[in-house]
Amino acid sequence: MENDKKMKIDVNLENNKYVELINKGQLLQAVKEYKEDNNCSLKEAKDYIDNLRGYDPKNDNGGCLGVVALLVLLSSTAIYFCL
């Protein structure tokens, strides 16, 4: 069962060390440090960092892969009907 409680996010993002790590591309380090600093589970730490990044895995619906698949399908259909 998934926990839907809201996480507290530091509103002062300029001095947030986790945001600095995210901006450097060190996502795993940000998760690790948050987990250690807050004595929380790995999932809670990852969710917090994803929240800071503005990433919501529930709304991730394939991105470019879906568009590419659709274009391939449409173009193959068009070729079939034109020949």
N, C-alpha and C. Protein backbone atom coordinates (compact mmCIF):
# COMPACT_ATOMS: atom_id res chain seq x y z
N MET A 1 0.85 -1.19 0.00
CA MET A 1 0.00 0.00 0.00
C MET A 1 0.89 1.24 0.00
N GLU A 2 0.59 2.18 -0.85
CA GLU A 2 1.42 3.34 -1.00
C GLU A 2 1.03 4.44 -0.03
N ASN A 3 2.03 5.11 0.51
CA ASN A 3 1.80 6.17 1.47
C ASN A 3 1.68 7.49 0.71
N ASP A 4 0.54 8.16 0.82
CA ASP A 4 0.30 9.38 0.05
C ASP A 4 0.46 10.65 0.88
N LYS A 5 1.11 10.58 2.05
CA LYS A 5 1.26 11.78 2.86
C LYS A 5 2.22 12.76 2.18
N LYS A 6 1.95 14.03 2.36
CA LYS A 6 2.77 15.07 1.77
C LYS A 6 4.09 15.20 2.52
N MET A 7 5.16 15.42 1.78
CA MET A 7 6.47 15.60 2.38
C MET A 7 6.74 17.06 2.62
N LYS A 8 7.48 17.33 3.68
CA LYS A 8 7.91 18.69 3.94
C LYS A 8 9.13 18.97 3.07
N ILE A 9 9.06 20.03 2.31
CA ILE A 9 10.19 20.41 1.47
C ILE A 9 10.69 21.77 1.93
N ASP A 10 12.00 21.88 2.07
CA ASP A 10 12.63 23.12 2.49
C ASP A 10 12.30 24.20 1.46
N VAL A 11 11.59 25.25 1.90
CA VAL A 11 11.17 26.29 0.96
C VAL A 11 12.34 27.14 0.50
N ASN A 12 13.43 27.16 1.25
CA ASN A 12 14.61 27.91 0.85
C ASN A 12 15.47 27.02 -0.03
N LEU A 13 15.10 26.89 -1.29
CA LEU A 13 15.79 25.99 -2.19
C LEU A 13 17.17 26.47 -2.59
N GLU A 14 17.47 27.76 -2.39
CA GLU A 14 18.78 28.28 -2.76
C GLU A 14 19.89 27.66 -1.92
N ASN A 15 19.63 27.43 -0.65
CA ASN A 15 20.66 26.90 0.24
C ASN A 15 20.42 25.43 0.57
N ASN A 16 19.58 24.77 -0.17
CA ASN A 16 19.26 23.37 0.08
C ASN A 16 20.36 22.51 -0.54
N LYS A 17 21.10 21.78 0.30
CA LYS A 17 22.23 20.99 -0.22
C LYS A 17 21.77 19.89 -1.16
N TYR A 18 20.54 19.43 -0.99
CA TYR A 18 20.03 18.38 -1.87
C TYR A 18 19.78 18.93 -3.27
N VAL A 19 19.29 20.15 -3.36
CA VAL A 19 19.09 20.79 -4.66
C VAL A 19 20.42 21.00 -5.35
N GLU A 20 21.44 21.38 -4.58
CA GLU A 20 22.77 21.57 -5.16
C GLU A 20 23.30 20.26 -5.73
N LEU A 21 23.10 19.16 -5.01
CA LEU A 21 23.54 17.86 -5.51
C LEU A 21 22.76 17.47 -6.77
N ILE A 22 21.45 17.72 -6.77
CA ILE A 22 20.61 17.43 -7.93
C ILE A 22 21.11 18.21 -9.14
N ASN A 23 21.40 19.49 -8.95
CA ASN A 23 21.86 20.33 -10.05
C ASN A 23 23.21 19.89 -10.59
N LYS A 24 24.00 19.21 -9.76
CA LYS A 24 25.29 18.68 -10.20
C LYS A 24 25.13 17.30 -10.84
N GLY A 25 23.89 16.79 -10.86
CA GLY A 25 23.64 15.48 -11.43
C GLY A 25 23.93 14.34 -10.48
N GLN A 26 24.08 14.63 -9.21
CA GLN A 26 24.41 13.62 -8.20
C GLN A 26 23.15 13.19 -7.44
N LEU A 27 22.21 12.59 -8.18
CA LEU A 27 20.93 12.22 -7.59
C LEU A 27 21.08 11.15 -6.51
N LEU A 28 21.90 10.15 -6.78
CA LEU A 28 22.07 9.09 -5.78
C LEU A 28 22.69 9.63 -4.50
N GLN A 29 23.64 10.54 -4.64
CA GLN A 29 24.26 11.14 -3.46
C GLN A 29 23.24 11.96 -2.69
N ALA A 30 22.36 12.66 -3.39
CA ALA A 30 21.32 13.45 -2.73
C ALA A 30 20.37 12.55 -1.95
N VAL A 31 19.99 11.42 -2.54
CA VAL A 31 19.11 10.47 -1.85
C VAL A 31 19.82 9.91 -0.63
N LYS A 32 21.07 9.52 -0.81
CA LYS A 32 21.84 8.94 0.29
C LYS A 32 21.96 9.92 1.46
N GLU A 33 22.32 11.16 1.16
CA GLU A 33 22.50 12.16 2.22
C GLU A 33 21.18 12.47 2.92
N TYR A 34 20.09 12.58 2.15
CA TYR A 34 18.79 12.84 2.77
C TYR A 34 18.41 11.70 3.69
N LYS A 35 18.62 10.47 3.22
CA LYS A 35 18.30 9.28 4.02
C LYS A 35 19.07 9.28 5.33
N GLU A 36 20.38 9.56 5.26
CA GLU A 36 21.22 9.58 6.45
C GLU A 36 20.85 10.74 7.37
N ASP A 37 20.63 11.92 6.81
CA ASP A 37 20.33 13.12 7.61
C ASP A 37 19.00 13.00 8.34
N ASN A 38 18.04 12.31 7.74
CA ASN A 38 16.69 12.27 8.30
C ASN A 38 16.30 10.91 8.87
N ASN A 39 17.23 9.97 8.82
CA ASN A 39 16.99 8.64 9.37
C ASN A 39 15.66 8.06 8.86
N CYS A 40 15.50 8.07 7.54
CA CYS A 40 14.25 7.60 6.94
C CYS A 40 14.54 6.44 5.99
N SER A 41 13.50 5.89 5.42
CA SER A 41 13.67 4.76 4.50
C SER A 41 14.20 5.27 3.15
N LEU A 42 14.71 4.33 2.36
CA LEU A 42 15.21 4.66 1.04
C LEU A 42 14.09 5.21 0.16
N LYS A 43 12.90 4.63 0.26
CA LYS A 43 11.76 5.10 -0.53
C LYS A 43 11.39 6.54 -0.17
N GLU A 44 11.37 6.84 1.13
CA GLU A 44 11.04 8.21 1.55
C GLU A 44 12.08 9.20 1.04
N ALA A 45 13.34 8.81 1.11
CA ALA A 45 14.41 9.69 0.63
C ALA A 45 14.30 9.90 -0.88
N LYS A 46 14.06 8.83 -1.63
CA LYS A 46 13.92 8.94 -3.08
C LYS A 46 12.71 9.80 -3.44
N ASP A 47 11.60 9.59 -2.75
CA ASP A 47 10.40 10.39 -3.01
C ASP A 47 10.65 11.87 -2.75
N TYR A 48 11.39 12.17 -1.68
CA TYR A 48 11.71 13.57 -1.36
C TYR A 48 12.54 14.19 -2.48
N ILE A 49 13.57 13.49 -2.91
CA ILE A 49 14.44 14.02 -3.97
C ILE A 49 13.67 14.14 -5.28
N ASP A 50 12.84 13.16 -5.60
CA ASP A 50 12.00 13.27 -6.80
C ASP A 50 11.07 14.46 -6.71
N ASN A 51 10.55 14.72 -5.52
CA ASN A 51 9.68 15.88 -5.30
C ASN A 51 10.44 17.17 -5.56
N LEU A 52 11.66 17.24 -5.08
CA LEU A 52 12.48 18.43 -5.31
C LEU A 52 12.72 18.64 -6.80
N ARG A 53 12.89 17.55 -7.50
CA ARG A 53 13.14 17.62 -8.94
C ARG A 53 11.88 17.93 -9.73
N GLY A 54 10.72 17.78 -9.10
CA GLY A 54 9.46 18.00 -9.80
C GLY A 54 9.04 16.80 -10.60
N TYR A 55 9.61 15.64 -10.27
CA TYR A 55 9.31 14.41 -11.00
C TYR A 55 8.23 13.63 -10.27
N ASP A 56 7.20 13.24 -11.01
CA ASP A 56 6.12 12.43 -10.44
C ASP A 56 6.02 11.14 -11.25
N PRO A 57 6.51 10.02 -10.69
CA PRO A 57 6.49 8.77 -11.45
C PRO A 57 5.09 8.33 -11.84
N LYS A 58 4.06 8.79 -11.14
CA LYS A 58 2.69 8.43 -11.49
C LYS A 58 2.26 9.08 -12.80
N ASN A 59 2.91 10.19 -13.16
CA ASN A 59 2.55 10.90 -14.39
C ASN A 59 3.54 10.65 -15.51
N ASP A 60 4.46 9.72 -15.32
CA ASP A 60 5.43 9.40 -16.36
C ASP A 60 4.80 8.38 -17.29
N ASN A 61 4.44 8.84 -18.47
CA ASN A 61 3.73 7.94 -19.38
C ASN A 61 4.52 7.62 -20.64
N GLY A 62 5.80 7.44 -20.48
CA GLY A 62 6.58 6.95 -21.62
C GLY A 62 7.41 8.00 -22.31
N GLY A 63 7.03 9.23 -22.27
CA GLY A 63 7.82 10.28 -22.89
C GLY A 63 7.99 10.09 -24.38
N CYS A 64 9.21 10.18 -24.84
CA CYS A 64 9.54 10.12 -26.26
C CYS A 64 9.27 8.75 -26.87
N LEU A 65 9.41 7.71 -26.09
CA LEU A 65 9.20 6.37 -26.61
C LEU A 65 7.79 6.21 -27.17
N GLY A 66 6.82 6.75 -26.48
CA GLY A 66 5.44 6.67 -26.96
C GLY A 66 5.24 7.41 -28.27
N VAL A 67 5.88 8.55 -28.40
CA VAL A 67 5.78 9.36 -29.63
C VAL A 67 6.44 8.62 -30.79
N VAL A 68 7.61 8.06 -30.54
CA VAL A 68 8.33 7.33 -31.59
C VAL A 68 7.51 6.12 -32.05
N ALA A 69 6.95 5.39 -31.10
CA ALA A 69 6.14 4.22 -31.46
C ALA A 69 4.93 4.63 -32.30
N LEU A 70 4.31 5.73 -31.94
CA LEU A 70 3.16 6.21 -32.70
C LEU A 70 3.57 6.61 -34.12
N LEU A 71 4.69 7.30 -34.27
CA LEU A 71 5.17 7.70 -35.59
C LEU A 71 5.49 6.50 -36.47
N VAL A 72 6.12 5.49 -35.88
CA VAL A 72 6.43 4.27 -36.64
C VAL A 72 5.15 3.59 -37.10
N LEU A 73 4.19 3.50 -36.22
CA LEU A 73 2.92 2.88 -36.57
C LEU A 73 2.21 3.65 -37.68
N LEU A 74 2.16 4.97 -37.56
CA LEU A 74 1.49 5.79 -38.58
C LEU A 74 2.19 5.72 -39.92
N SER A 75 3.52 5.78 -39.90
CA SER A 75 4.25 5.75 -41.17
C SER A 75 4.14 4.38 -41.85
N SER A 76 4.18 3.29 -41.06
CA SER A 76 4.04 1.97 -41.67
C SER A 76 2.63 1.78 -42.24
N THR A 77 1.64 2.33 -41.57
CA THR A 77 0.26 2.26 -42.07
C THR A 77 0.13 3.05 -43.36
N ALA A 78 0.74 4.23 -43.42
CA ALA A 78 0.67 5.07 -44.62
C ALA A 78 1.36 4.38 -45.80
N ILE A 79 2.49 3.75 -45.55
CA ILE A 79 3.21 3.04 -46.61
C ILE A 79 2.35 1.88 -47.11
N TYR A 80 1.73 1.16 -46.22
CA TYR A 80 0.90 0.00 -46.60
C TYR A 80 -0.24 0.43 -47.52
N PHE A 81 -0.91 1.55 -47.19
CA PHE A 81 -2.05 1.97 -47.98
C PHE A 81 -1.65 2.66 -49.28
N CYS A 82 -0.44 3.20 -49.34
CA CYS A 82 0.01 3.88 -50.56
C CYS A 82 0.53 2.91 -51.61
N LEU A 83 0.91 1.71 -51.18
CA LEU A 83 1.46 0.76 -52.15
C LEU A 83 0.40 -0.05 -52.77
